[in-house]
C-alpha atoms as a PDB file:
ATOM      1  CA  MET A   1      88.333 124.739 204.259  1.00  0.00           C
ATOM      2  CA  GLN A   2      88.096 123.663 200.710  1.00  0.00           C
ATOM      3  CA  LYS A   3      91.130 123.285 198.886  1.00  0.00           C
ATOM      4  CA  GLY A   4      91.980 123.711 195.158  1.00  0.00           C
ATOM      5  CA  PRO A   5      90.453 125.595 192.457  1.00  0.00           C
ATOM      6  CA  LYS A   6      86.548 125.801 191.956  1.00  0.00           C
ATOM      7  CA  PRO A   7      85.623 123.681 188.800  1.00  0.00           C
ATOM      8  CA  ALA A   8      83.509 125.419 186.242  1.00  0.00           C
ATOM      9  CA  GLU A   9      79.691 125.327 187.263  1.00  0.00           C
ATOM     10  CA  LEU A  10      77.885 122.045 185.932  1.00  0.00           C
ATOM     11  CA  ALA A  11      74.151 122.273 186.013  1.00  0.00           C
ATOM     12  CA  LEU A  12      72.048 119.259 185.407  1.00  0.00           C
ATOM     13  CA  SER A  13      68.535 119.064 184.294  1.00  0.00           C
ATOM     14  CA  LYS A  14      66.385 116.922 186.590  1.00  0.00           C
ATOM     15  CA  GLU A  15      66.025 114.320 183.403  1.00  0.00           C
ATOM     16  CA  GLU A  16      69.839 114.152 183.442  1.00  0.00           C
ATOM     17  CA  GLN A  17      70.083 113.797 187.107  1.00  0.00           C
ATOM     18  CA  GLN A  18      67.594 111.243 187.227  1.00  0.00           C
ATOM     19  CA  GLY A  19      69.090 109.173 184.109  1.00  0.00           C
ATOM     20  CA  LEU A  20      72.624 109.284 185.973  1.00  0.00           C
ATOM     21  CA  GLU A  21      71.212 108.138 189.230  1.00  0.00           C
ATOM     22  CA  THR A  22      69.260 105.326 187.287  1.00  0.00           C
ATOM     23  CA  LEU A  23      72.669 104.384 185.477  1.00  0.00           C
ATOM     24  CA  VAL A  24      74.984 104.379 188.352  1.00  0.00           C
ATOM     25  CA  ARG A  25      72.352 102.236 190.703  1.00  0.00           C
ATOM     26  CA  ARG A  26      71.736  99.582 187.639  1.00  0.00           C
ATOM     27  CA  HIS A  27      73.561  96.265 188.249  1.00  0.00           C
ATOM     28  CA  GLY A  28      74.383  95.748 184.630  1.00  0.00           C
ATOM     29  CA  THR A  29      76.253  99.300 184.295  1.00  0.00           C
ATOM     30  CA  PRO A  30      79.894  98.471 183.833  1.00  0.00           C
ATOM     31  CA  GLN A  31      82.096  99.906 186.883  1.00  0.00           C
ATOM     32  CA  GLN A  32      83.903 102.261 184.750  1.00  0.00           C
ATOM     33  CA  LEU A  33      80.678 104.118 183.425  1.00  0.00           C
ATOM     34  CA  ALA A  34      79.002 103.788 187.037  1.00  0.00           C
ATOM     35  CA  LYS A  35      82.144 105.590 188.685  1.00  0.00           C
ATOM     36  CA  ARG A  36      82.107 108.221 185.870  1.00  0.00           C
ATOM     37  CA  GLY A  37      78.280 108.868 186.557  1.00  0.00           C
ATOM     38  CA  LYS A  38      79.125 109.463 190.140  1.00  0.00           C
ATOM     39  CA  VAL A  39      81.939 111.861 189.286  1.00  0.00           C
ATOM     40  CA  VAL A  40      79.190 113.743 187.159  1.00  0.00           C
ATOM     41  CA  LEU A  41      76.594 113.638 189.622  1.00  0.00           C
ATOM     42  CA  ALA A  42      78.994 114.906 192.403  1.00  0.00           C
ATOM     43  CA  ALA A  43      80.034 117.856 190.145  1.00  0.00           C
ATOM     44  CA  GLY A  44      76.571 118.862 189.643  1.00  0.00           C
ATOM     45  CA  GLU A  45      76.255 119.126 193.046  1.00  0.00           C
ATOM     46  CA  GLY A  46      79.047 121.773 193.018  1.00  0.00           C
ATOM     47  CA  LYS A  47      81.724 119.475 194.766  1.00  0.00           C
ATOM     48  CA  ARG A  48      85.469 120.456 193.923  1.00  0.00           C
ATOM     49  CA  ASN A  49      87.595 117.805 192.080  1.00  0.00           C
ATOM     50  CA  ALA A  50      89.772 117.229 194.953  1.00  0.00           C
ATOM     51  CA  GLU A  51      86.513 116.293 197.165  1.00  0.00           C
ATOM     52  CA  ILE A  52      85.317 113.964 194.665  1.00  0.00           C
ATOM     53  CA  ALA A  53      88.267 112.308 194.243  1.00  0.00           C
ATOM     54  CA  ARG A  54      88.650 111.649 197.767  1.00  0.00           C
ATOM     55  CA  GLU A  55      85.101 110.375 198.226  1.00  0.00           C
ATOM     56  CA  LEU A  56      85.026 108.051 195.256  1.00  0.00           C
ATOM     57  CA  LYS A  57      88.920 106.892 195.941  1.00  0.00           C
ATOM     58  CA  VAL A  58      90.311 107.958 192.411  1.00  0.00           C
ATOM     59  CA  SER A  59      92.650 110.547 191.446  1.00  0.00           C
ATOM     60  CA  VAL A  60      92.157 113.924 190.859  1.00  0.00           C
ATOM     61  CA  ASP A  61      93.273 113.665 187.303  1.00  0.00           C
ATOM     62  CA  THR A  62      90.249 110.935 186.801  1.00  0.00           C
ATOM     63  CA  VAL A  63      88.049 113.565 187.990  1.00  0.00           C
ATOM     64  CA  ARG A  64      89.346 116.275 185.852  1.00  0.00           C
ATOM     65  CA  THR A  65      89.094 114.365 182.646  1.00  0.00           C
END
């Protein structure tokens, strides 16, 4: 059972998804930017904010913004 409201759908193009995946995996990427990229990728998979927050160990407020 999924909790919380379903966020607006986020559709990523293949190029956007690949760019974010590259950014997240690069060792030189600042942690804050990598974390944000992971949030966007998870949202692009259709995950809910609470689920993303739990997986990435951040607050729901961080995911929402």
